[in-house]
Amino acid sequence: MAVVAAGAMLAASSLTSCGLLGEPTDVINVGYQSKTINTVNAGTLMRDRGDFENALKALGASTGRKYRVVWQDFSSGAPLTAQMIASHVDIGSMGDYPLLTNGSKTKKYADAETELVAVTGYSLRGSLNQVVVPATSPATKLTDLVGKRVSTSLGSAGDGMLSTALRRSGIAPGAVHIVNQDPAVGASSIDGHQVDALGQFVPWPQLVVFRNQGRLLYDGGDNNVPTFHGVVVRKQFADRNPGVMAAFMSAMSVTTSYLVANPLPAALRVGKLTGIEPEVVYLYNGPNGLVSFDMTAKRQFADALQQIKGFLVQRGSVARSFDVGAFVNDAYVRRLFGSDYERRRDDLTNPDRLTGDDGLCGQPVGDAPQASELWLAGADHTEAAATPTCLLRHVAAATAKVRAAYTPDTVTATRLFADHATWLVDPAAPPTQRYKPFATQEAADTYRGQHPQTTPISYATAVSLSRSSG
């Protein structure tokens, strides 16, 4: 979907306009990023379901006013922030790095100053940001990128993850040649071998992996810095329209609940709306997915935001005087959840958990670091597997084409596409624990160094042996 034309935005920039019959209509301008799939509960899915419009209709019944939502789709946080500065967007959603840039840049203008009012989705490990290389690349670790060209979007969460990872790996600034590109351009550059790696945010790394254009070199979760996306609003707008803000929060809660309760239909719908393969959407947004959908600001985000601020100050994107604590305003979410707010904020479990019974292995499914999942072509449901080894048995026994198979990393529990994982086999392990998947070759090598009895095995061979062993 293209960004709304400037003239249309100007026409809708004031809160009150005239409806078709001349009645006063309050216009709310909402900016979102359709392809940033962990903001769908404040953007793509909310818009498609009409949850905000429904909440505004209920509000209008009590206020006697008419409301109209103008949705504006952006490719990244920077142009969205520019439109908030111009007061052409009232509410917007974006990632943590752009959020702080948004807060710092808008603070200069009384009518544009923003505040962070809710979280859409998060990963405490930071696994929403990753580095991928072409499938044929000889690189197995970050140090192999020295002297190479790496695509990222400067000032984004992907850029911050990449910079932190390079520093942690002892790579000197400038030793890697950074190419500033939009995510879609970077993904094309990887496919065309115009760059040697891509460091980006959700969903681009795994989109490249799923399309067989690249493989995972580095999981941003290894930085151990939480990452999240959230919602900002112009303070002037929020202060003048508390009823609209309450309606938005209520709508966001309804959309989030739907997403958590119906992850597969939601993934199919988001895939259709965005052009992103549903299998990739489901990797992030499905049960035990890379994203935990929760509107509360976790305590762990405070330190992460300070780290992000330090990085952005160095980049010149955020003023050193910017007060991160004052930027975060959880009052609207507190009001929404009432006495249950603190319990929700302190709960760090993914609300969408993979459970069930594994008939092939004869075990219950529920242990998140082990639970795996199979999605067959033509099926309106998935099959749960108790362990990665059990998943291989399900794949081997499948009577239909495998649409996607998901399994957690052996050490970090990061959700992976099973056919793109690096596998080891441990002959001494119990029968249902024998095969071990890893996100990267480097992770598998590290594990093998600690467990010398393990040996490498290809996914196809592991499936074949699972078929013959039953």
Protein backbone atom coordinates (compact mmCIF):
# COMPACT_ATOMS: atom_id res chain seq x y z
CA MET A 1 0.00 0.00 0.00
CA ALA A 2 1.45 3.38 -0.94
CA VAL A 3 1.90 6.23 1.49
CA VAL A 4 -1.04 8.61 1.39
CA ALA A 5 -0.29 11.56 -0.90
CA ALA A 6 0.78 14.79 0.73
CA GLY A 7 -2.33 16.62 -0.41
CA ALA A 8 -4.59 14.01 1.13
CA MET A 9 -2.69 14.21 4.40
CA LEU A 10 -2.99 17.97 4.47
CA ALA A 11 -6.71 17.74 3.88
CA ALA A 12 -7.09 15.36 6.80
CA SER A 13 -4.58 16.99 9.13
CA SER A 14 -7.07 18.93 11.23
CA LEU A 15 -9.10 16.96 13.71
CA THR A 16 -12.46 18.32 12.61
CA SER A 17 -13.72 18.25 9.05
CA CYS A 18 -17.08 17.90 7.31
CA GLY A 19 -18.64 14.54 6.54
CA LEU A 20 -20.55 13.68 3.39
CA LEU A 21 -23.73 15.24 4.72
CA GLY A 22 -21.98 18.26 6.20
CA GLU A 23 -22.04 17.03 9.80
CA PRO A 24 -18.90 17.72 11.91
CA THR A 25 -16.51 14.77 11.74
CA ASP A 26 -13.45 14.26 13.93
CA VAL A 27 -10.59 12.87 11.84
CA ILE A 28 -7.88 10.74 13.47
CA ASN A 29 -4.73 10.14 11.41
CA VAL A 30 -3.00 6.85 12.19
CA GLY A 31 0.41 5.99 10.78
CA TYR A 32 1.67 2.41 10.65
CA GLN A 33 4.09 0.14 8.81
CA SER A 34 2.23 -2.74 7.20
CA LYS A 35 5.35 -4.85 6.62
CA THR A 36 6.55 -4.51 10.22
CA ILE A 37 4.46 -7.44 11.31
CA ASN A 38 4.93 -7.12 15.07
CA THR A 39 2.94 -3.88 15.00
CA VAL A 40 -0.08 -5.46 13.31
CA ASN A 41 -2.15 -5.08 16.49
CA ALA A 42 -1.84 -1.29 16.13
CA GLY A 43 -1.81 -1.22 12.34
CA THR A 44 -2.44 -3.78 9.61
CA LEU A 45 -4.69 -6.16 11.53
CA MET A 46 -6.42 -3.45 13.55
CA ARG A 47 -7.23 -1.59 10.35
CA ASP A 48 -8.45 -4.70 8.54
CA ARG A 49 -10.71 -5.78 11.39
CA GLY A 50 -12.13 -2.29 11.96
CA ASP A 51 -11.55 -2.52 15.72
CA PHE A 52 -10.65 1.16 16.11
CA GLU A 53 -13.60 2.29 14.00
CA ASN A 54 -15.91 0.10 16.10
CA ALA A 55 -14.55 1.60 19.32
CA LEU A 56 -15.00 5.12 17.91
CA LYS A 57 -18.55 4.30 16.91
CA ALA A 58 -19.27 3.32 20.50
CA LEU A 59 -17.61 6.55 21.66
CA GLY A 60 -19.70 8.56 19.23
CA ALA A 61 -22.89 7.06 20.65
CA SER A 62 -22.04 8.71 23.98
CA THR A 63 -20.53 11.97 22.67
CA GLY A 64 -22.83 12.55 19.73
CA ARG A 65 -19.85 13.10 17.45
CA LYS A 66 -18.75 11.42 14.23
CA TYR A 67 -15.25 9.98 13.85
CA ARG A 68 -13.23 8.97 10.81
CA VAL A 69 -9.87 7.22 10.76
CA VAL A 70 -7.35 7.99 8.02
CA TRP A 71 -4.77 5.19 7.84
CA GLN A 72 -1.35 6.01 6.40
CA ASP A 73 1.12 3.23 5.55
CA PHE A 74 4.85 3.99 5.79
CA SER A 75 7.93 2.00 4.79
CA SER A 76 9.85 2.91 7.96
CA GLY A 77 9.78 5.06 11.09
CA ALA A 78 11.63 8.07 9.65
CA PRO A 79 8.94 9.30 7.20
CA LEU A 80 6.27 8.54 9.79
CA THR A 81 8.10 10.76 12.27
CA ALA A 82 8.35 13.52 9.66
CA GLN A 83 4.58 13.49 9.26
CA MET A 84 4.06 13.59 13.02
CA ILE A 85 6.31 16.67 13.18
CA ALA A 86 4.08 18.23 10.52
CA SER A 87 1.01 17.27 12.65
CA HIS A 88 -0.29 15.14 9.78
CA VAL A 89 -0.21 11.95 11.88
CA ASP A 90 -1.70 11.76 15.37
CA ILE A 91 -0.90 8.17 16.38
CA GLY A 92 1.92 6.03 15.01
CA SER A 93 3.70 2.72 15.60
CA MET A 94 7.37 1.88 15.04
CA GLY A 95 10.42 0.12 16.52
CA ASP A 96 12.41 1.06 19.60
CA TYR A 97 15.22 2.96 17.87
CA PRO A 98 12.87 5.04 15.67
CA LEU A 99 10.63 5.57 18.72
CA LEU A 100 13.39 7.39 20.58
CA THR A 101 14.32 9.35 17.49
CA ASN A 102 10.66 10.28 17.15
CA GLY A 103 10.45 11.44 20.75
CA SER A 104 13.63 13.51 20.53
CA LYS A 105 12.86 15.17 17.19
CA THR A 106 9.22 16.00 17.97
CA LYS A 107 10.09 17.48 21.37
CA LYS A 108 11.25 20.67 19.64
CA TYR A 109 7.66 21.46 18.60
CA ALA A 110 4.83 22.10 21.06
CA ASP A 111 2.14 20.79 18.72
CA ALA A 112 4.15 17.74 17.61
CA GLU A 113 5.79 16.49 20.84
CA THR A 114 5.07 12.79 21.30
CA GLU A 115 4.99 10.22 24.07
CA LEU A 116 5.32 6.44 24.05
CA VAL A 117 1.97 5.11 25.27
CA ALA A 118 1.95 1.35 24.55
CA VAL A 119 4.01 -1.60 23.37
CA THR A 120 2.83 -3.72 20.44
CA GLY A 121 5.24 -6.67 20.64
CA TYR A 122 8.67 -7.48 22.03
CA SER A 123 11.52 -9.96 22.35
CA LEU A 124 13.45 -9.94 25.59
CA ARG A 125 16.43 -11.60 23.88
CA GLY A 126 16.38 -9.20 20.95
CA SER A 127 15.88 -11.91 18.33
CA LEU A 128 13.68 -9.67 16.17
CA ASN A 129 16.91 -8.28 14.67
CA GLN A 130 19.32 -10.58 12.83
CA VAL A 131 22.13 -10.74 10.28
CA VAL A 132 21.82 -12.92 7.18
CA VAL A 133 24.29 -13.70 4.39
CA PRO A 134 23.75 -15.18 0.92
CA ALA A 135 23.16 -18.91 1.05
CA THR A 136 26.44 -19.54 -0.79
CA SER A 137 28.52 -17.28 1.48
CA PRO A 138 31.51 -18.92 3.20
CA ALA A 139 30.97 -16.72 6.29
CA THR A 140 30.14 -18.56 9.52
CA LYS A 141 30.71 -15.77 12.07
CA LEU A 142 30.60 -11.98 12.24
CA THR A 143 34.39 -11.60 12.00
CA ASP A 144 34.15 -13.08 8.51
CA LEU A 145 32.43 -9.83 7.46
CA VAL A 146 35.54 -7.70 8.00
CA GLY A 147 36.19 -5.81 4.77
CA LYS A 148 32.75 -6.80 3.44
CA ARG A 149 29.65 -4.76 2.52
CA VAL A 150 26.73 -5.04 4.94
CA SER A 151 23.31 -3.52 4.22
CA THR A 152 21.27 -1.97 7.04
CA SER A 153 19.01 1.04 7.63
CA LEU A 154 20.93 3.66 9.59
CA GLY A 155 19.22 4.58 12.84
CA SER A 156 17.01 1.48 12.82
CA ALA A 157 16.85 -1.38 15.32
CA GLY A 158 18.71 -3.48 12.76
CA ASP A 159 21.50 -0.91 12.64
CA GLY A 160 21.72 -0.78 16.43
CA MET A 161 21.84 -4.57 16.70
CA LEU A 162 24.51 -4.80 14.02
CA SER A 163 26.69 -2.11 15.60
CA THR A 164 26.42 -3.73 19.03
CA ALA A 165 27.20 -7.18 17.62
CA LEU A 166 30.26 -5.94 15.71
CA ARG A 167 31.58 -4.21 18.83
CA ARG A 168 31.01 -7.33 20.97
CA SER A 169 32.91 -9.36 18.38
CA GLY A 170 35.90 -7.03 18.62
CA ILE A 171 35.45 -5.63 15.13
CA ALA A 172 36.79 -2.09 14.85
CA PRO A 173 34.51 0.71 13.59
CA GLY A 174 34.92 1.04 9.84
CA ALA A 175 36.25 -2.49 9.41
CA VAL A 176 32.88 -3.42 7.91
CA HIS A 177 31.52 -1.28 5.07
CA ILE A 178 27.97 -0.24 5.98
CA VAL A 179 25.54 0.32 3.09
CA ASN A 180 22.49 2.40 4.10
CA GLN A 181 19.44 0.85 2.42
CA ASP A 182 15.74 0.39 3.08
CA PRO A 183 14.98 -3.20 4.19
CA ALA A 184 13.36 -4.24 0.91
CA VAL A 185 16.30 -2.86 -1.08
CA GLY A 186 18.73 -4.66 1.21
CA ALA A 187 16.88 -7.94 0.75
CA SER A 188 17.13 -7.51 -3.03
CA SER A 189 20.81 -6.66 -2.68
CA ILE A 190 21.44 -9.92 -0.82
CA ASP A 191 19.63 -11.87 -3.50
CA GLY A 192 21.64 -10.11 -6.22
CA HIS A 193 24.95 -10.52 -4.33
CA GLN A 194 25.43 -6.74 -4.34
CA VAL A 195 26.15 -6.86 -0.59
CA ASP A 196 27.74 -9.54 1.56
CA ALA A 197 25.25 -9.43 4.45
CA LEU A 198 22.02 -7.85 5.64
CA GLY A 199 21.44 -6.65 9.21
CA GLN A 200 17.78 -5.84 9.66
CA PHE A 201 14.69 -5.95 11.84
CA VAL A 202 11.57 -8.13 11.71
CA PRO A 203 10.55 -9.69 9.32
CA TRP A 204 13.30 -9.12 6.75
CA PRO A 205 16.02 -11.54 7.94
CA GLN A 206 13.72 -14.55 8.10
CA LEU A 207 11.96 -13.47 4.92
CA VAL A 208 15.32 -13.76 3.15
CA VAL A 209 15.90 -17.15 4.80
CA PHE A 210 12.46 -18.50 3.90
CA ARG A 211 12.87 -17.44 0.28
CA ASN A 212 16.17 -19.37 0.13
CA GLN A 213 18.01 -16.13 -0.63
CA GLY A 214 20.21 -16.35 2.43
CA ARG A 215 20.95 -18.02 5.76
CA LEU A 216 21.21 -16.75 9.30
CA LEU A 217 24.70 -15.69 10.35
CA TYR A 218 23.97 -13.94 13.63
CA ASP A 219 20.95 -13.84 15.94
CA GLY A 220 20.55 -10.40 17.50
CA GLY A 221 19.36 -12.15 20.64
CA ASP A 222 23.00 -12.97 21.34
CA ASN A 223 23.44 -9.27 22.20
CA ASN A 224 21.01 -9.92 25.06
CA VAL A 225 19.35 -6.51 24.65
CA PRO A 226 15.53 -6.50 24.66
CA THR A 227 13.87 -5.08 21.58
CA PHE A 228 10.29 -3.96 21.08
CA HIS A 229 7.90 -1.93 18.94
CA GLY A 230 5.39 0.52 20.32
CA VAL A 231 2.85 3.29 19.83
CA VAL A 232 3.54 7.02 20.01
CA VAL A 233 0.96 9.79 20.05
CA ARG A 234 1.20 13.55 19.79
CA LYS A 235 0.70 14.78 23.35
CA GLN A 236 -1.39 17.74 22.24
CA PHE A 237 -3.75 15.40 20.40
CA ALA A 238 -3.92 12.93 23.30
CA ASP A 239 -4.55 15.61 25.92
CA ARG A 240 -7.40 17.08 23.86
CA ASN A 241 -8.97 13.74 22.99
CA PRO A 242 -8.92 11.39 26.00
CA GLY A 243 -11.97 9.52 24.71
CA VAL A 244 -10.29 8.80 21.39
CA MET A 245 -7.19 7.57 23.21
CA ALA A 246 -9.27 5.25 25.37
CA ALA A 247 -10.97 3.96 22.21
CA PHE A 248 -7.61 3.30 20.54
CA MET A 249 -6.30 1.43 23.58
CA SER A 250 -9.46 -0.63 23.78
CA ALA A 251 -9.26 -1.44 20.06
CA MET A 252 -5.60 -2.40 20.37
CA SER A 253 -6.44 -4.74 23.23
CA VAL A 254 -9.22 -6.36 21.17
CA THR A 255 -6.93 -6.82 18.17
CA THR A 256 -4.14 -8.21 20.35
CA SER A 257 -6.50 -10.70 22.00
CA TYR A 258 -7.72 -11.86 18.60
CA LEU A 259 -4.15 -12.29 17.37
CA VAL A 260 -3.14 -14.35 20.40
CA ALA A 261 -6.26 -16.53 20.23
CA ASN A 262 -6.20 -17.01 16.44
CA PRO A 263 -2.55 -16.95 15.34
CA LEU A 264 -2.93 -19.07 12.20
CA PRO A 265 -5.92 -17.23 10.66
CA ALA A 266 -4.25 -13.96 11.63
CA ALA A 267 -1.01 -14.98 9.88
CA LEU A 268 -2.91 -15.94 6.75
CA ARG A 269 -4.76 -12.62 6.73
CA VAL A 270 -1.66 -10.51 7.42
CA GLY A 271 0.16 -12.40 4.68
CA LYS A 272 -2.59 -11.62 2.20
CA LEU A 273 -2.67 -7.95 3.19
CA THR A 274 1.09 -7.38 3.13
CA GLY A 275 2.46 -9.81 0.54
CA ILE A 276 4.71 -11.35 3.21
CA GLU A 277 4.49 -15.12 3.14
CA PRO A 278 2.16 -16.33 5.93
CA GLU A 279 4.77 -18.90 6.95
CA VAL A 280 7.12 -16.03 7.83
CA VAL A 281 4.39 -14.10 9.64
CA TYR A 282 3.58 -17.22 11.67
CA LEU A 283 7.25 -17.73 12.61
CA TYR A 284 7.13 -14.38 14.39
CA ASN A 285 3.48 -14.06 15.41
CA GLY A 286 2.51 -17.68 16.06
CA PRO A 287 2.62 -19.61 19.36
CA ASN A 288 6.07 -19.50 20.98
CA GLY A 289 6.89 -17.06 18.20
CA LEU A 290 9.74 -14.59 18.08
CA VAL A 291 7.30 -11.85 19.13
CA SER A 292 5.38 -11.71 22.42
CA PHE A 293 2.36 -9.46 21.96
CA ASP A 294 1.77 -7.42 25.10
CA MET A 295 0.83 -3.74 25.49
CA THR A 296 2.67 -3.15 28.78
CA ALA A 297 6.13 -1.60 29.08
CA LYS A 298 8.29 -4.26 30.74
CA ARG A 299 10.76 -3.19 33.42
CA GLN A 300 13.55 -4.65 31.28
CA PHE A 301 12.93 -2.02 28.61
CA ALA A 302 14.26 0.80 30.79
CA ASP A 303 17.92 -0.27 30.55
CA ALA A 304 17.49 -1.18 26.89
CA LEU A 305 16.17 2.31 26.11
CA GLN A 306 19.14 3.90 27.81
CA GLN A 307 21.49 1.78 25.67
CA ILE A 308 19.54 2.73 22.58
CA LYS A 309 19.70 6.39 23.54
CA GLY A 310 23.49 6.22 23.90
CA PHE A 311 23.82 4.72 20.42
CA LEU A 312 21.47 7.28 18.83
CA VAL A 313 23.17 10.19 20.58
CA GLN A 314 26.44 9.09 18.98
CA ARG A 315 24.68 8.91 15.63
CA GLY A 316 23.25 12.42 16.11
CA SER A 317 19.64 11.20 15.96
CA VAL A 318 18.74 11.91 19.59
CA ALA A 319 19.63 14.89 21.78
CA ARG A 320 21.80 14.10 24.79
CA SER A 321 19.31 16.04 26.96
CA PHE A 322 16.36 13.86 25.87
CA ASP A 323 14.63 12.38 28.95
CA VAL A 324 13.71 8.78 28.12
CA GLY A 325 11.79 8.29 31.37
CA ALA A 326 9.58 11.29 30.73
CA PHE A 327 8.93 10.07 27.17
CA VAL A 328 7.30 6.83 28.39
CA ASN A 329 3.70 7.31 29.55
CA ASP A 330 1.95 4.10 30.58
CA ALA A 331 -1.08 5.89 32.03
CA TYR A 332 -3.37 4.92 29.15
CA VAL A 333 -2.50 1.22 29.40
CA ARG A 334 -2.76 1.37 33.20
CA ARG A 335 -6.23 2.84 32.82
CA LEU A 336 -7.17 0.11 30.35
CA PHE A 337 -6.09 -2.84 32.52
CA GLY A 338 -6.78 -1.31 35.94
CA SER A 339 -5.70 -3.43 38.88
CA ASP A 340 -4.41 -6.14 36.53
CA TYR A 341 -1.79 -3.86 34.97
CA GLU A 342 1.17 -4.71 37.19
CA ARG A 343 0.57 -8.46 36.90
CA ARG A 344 0.53 -8.12 33.13
CA ARG A 345 3.64 -5.94 33.11
CA ASP A 346 5.60 -8.41 35.27
CA ASP A 347 4.49 -11.49 33.29
CA LEU A 348 7.25 -12.28 30.80
CA THR A 349 5.75 -15.44 29.29
CA ASN A 350 4.57 -15.37 25.70
CA PRO A 351 0.75 -15.22 25.96
CA ASP A 352 0.52 -17.41 22.86
CA ARG A 353 1.98 -20.74 23.98
CA LEU A 354 2.25 -23.92 21.94
CA THR A 355 0.46 -26.77 23.70
CA GLY A 356 -1.23 -30.05 22.81
CA ASP A 357 -0.50 -33.76 22.61
CA ASP A 358 2.10 -35.40 20.41
CA GLY A 359 0.58 -38.68 19.26
CA LEU A 360 3.69 -39.85 17.42
CA CYS A 361 5.98 -39.45 20.41
CA GLY A 362 3.30 -40.08 23.01
CA GLN A 363 4.15 -36.95 24.98
CA PRO A 364 2.38 -33.75 25.97
CA VAL A 365 3.49 -30.55 24.27
CA GLY A 366 4.14 -27.54 26.46
CA ASP A 367 7.82 -27.10 27.19
CA ALA A 368 8.62 -23.92 25.22
CA PRO A 369 12.36 -24.67 24.75
CA GLN A 370 11.35 -27.98 23.10
CA ALA A 371 7.88 -27.57 21.60
CA SER A 372 7.83 -27.65 17.79
CA GLU A 373 5.16 -27.29 15.13
CA LEU A 374 4.31 -28.61 11.67
CA TRP A 375 2.11 -26.81 9.13
CA LEU A 376 1.00 -28.98 6.20
CA ALA A 377 -0.31 -27.69 2.89
CA GLY A 378 -4.09 -27.56 2.76
CA ALA A 379 -4.48 -27.90 6.52
CA ASP A 380 -6.48 -25.39 8.55
CA HIS A 381 -4.52 -26.28 11.68
CA THR A 382 -0.98 -27.24 12.69
CA GLU A 383 0.45 -30.31 14.42
CA ALA A 384 2.29 -29.88 17.71
CA ALA A 385 5.44 -31.90 18.39
CA ALA A 386 6.94 -32.38 21.84
CA THR A 387 10.59 -31.98 20.80
CA PRO A 388 12.64 -31.18 17.69
CA THR A 389 13.33 -34.90 17.28
CA CYS A 390 9.59 -35.57 17.41
CA LEU A 391 9.06 -32.84 14.81
CA LEU A 392 11.34 -34.72 12.42
CA ARG A 393 9.16 -37.80 12.91
CA HIS A 394 6.08 -35.73 12.05
CA VAL A 395 7.76 -34.40 8.92
CA ALA A 396 8.80 -37.94 7.94
CA ALA A 397 5.26 -39.21 8.43
CA ALA A 398 3.55 -36.34 6.61
CA THR A 399 1.18 -37.35 3.81
CA ALA A 400 0.93 -33.81 2.42
CA LYS A 401 3.53 -31.26 1.40
CA VAL A 402 5.15 -29.51 4.34
CA ARG A 403 4.26 -25.85 4.28
CA ALA A 404 6.52 -24.98 7.21
CA ALA A 405 8.13 -26.71 10.17
CA TYR A 406 9.11 -24.70 13.24
CA THR A 407 11.51 -25.69 15.98
CA PRO A 408 13.38 -23.92 18.81
CA ASP A 409 17.14 -23.44 18.96
CA THR A 410 18.65 -26.01 21.34
CA VAL A 411 20.29 -23.41 23.59
CA THR A 412 18.29 -20.18 23.21
CA ALA A 413 14.83 -21.53 22.24
CA THR A 414 14.71 -19.01 19.38
CA ARG A 415 12.03 -20.16 16.94
CA LEU A 416 13.48 -21.34 13.60
CA PHE A 417 12.47 -22.80 10.29
CA ALA A 418 13.53 -26.42 10.81
CA ASP A 419 14.73 -26.88 7.23
CA HIS A 420 17.02 -23.85 7.57
CA ALA A 421 18.46 -24.78 10.96
CA THR A 422 21.91 -26.30 11.50
CA TRP A 423 21.46 -29.78 12.97
CA LEU A 424 23.57 -32.03 15.18
CA VAL A 425 22.83 -35.58 16.26
CA ASP A 426 23.65 -36.92 19.71
CA PRO A 427 23.61 -40.75 19.70
CA ALA A 428 23.84 -40.86 23.50
CA ALA A 429 20.73 -38.73 24.06
CA PRO A 430 17.27 -40.21 24.82
CA PRO A 431 15.36 -41.24 21.66
CA THR A 432 13.12 -38.16 21.64
CA GLN A 433 16.06 -35.78 22.26
CA ARG A 434 18.53 -37.09 19.73
CA TYR A 435 18.49 -34.33 17.10
CA LYS A 436 19.58 -30.79 18.04
CA PRO A 437 18.74 -27.72 15.90
CA PHE A 438 20.67 -24.43 16.01
CA ALA A 439 20.05 -20.98 14.57
CA THR A 440 23.57 -20.59 13.17
CA GLN A 441 26.61 -22.62 12.25
CA GLU A 442 28.63 -20.79 14.91
CA ALA A 443 26.12 -21.79 17.61
CA ALA A 444 26.27 -25.42 16.50
CA ASP A 445 30.07 -25.34 16.50
CA THR A 446 30.12 -23.94 20.03
CA TYR A 447 27.72 -26.63 21.26
CA ARG A 448 29.72 -29.36 19.53
CA GLY A 449 32.87 -28.14 21.25
CA GLN A 450 31.12 -28.68 24.60
CA HIS A 451 29.50 -31.96 23.53
CA PRO A 452 32.10 -33.83 21.43
CA GLN A 453 29.85 -36.85 21.05
CA THR A 454 27.59 -34.87 18.70
CA THR A 455 28.10 -34.85 14.93
CA PRO A 456 26.70 -32.69 12.12
CA ILE A 457 23.76 -34.00 10.14
CA SER A 458 21.73 -32.45 7.35
CA TYR A 459 18.03 -31.78 7.79
CA ALA A 460 17.14 -34.08 4.90
CA THR A 461 19.19 -36.95 6.39
CA ALA A 462 17.68 -36.41 9.83
CA VAL A 463 14.18 -36.59 8.34
CA SER A 464 15.11 -39.72 6.37
CA LEU A 465 16.49 -41.45 9.45
CA SER A 466 13.38 -40.43 11.42
CA ARG A 467 11.26 -42.09 8.73
CA SER A 468 13.19 -45.33 8.85
CA SER A 469 13.35 -45.43 12.66
CA GLY A 470 9.65 -44.72 13.05
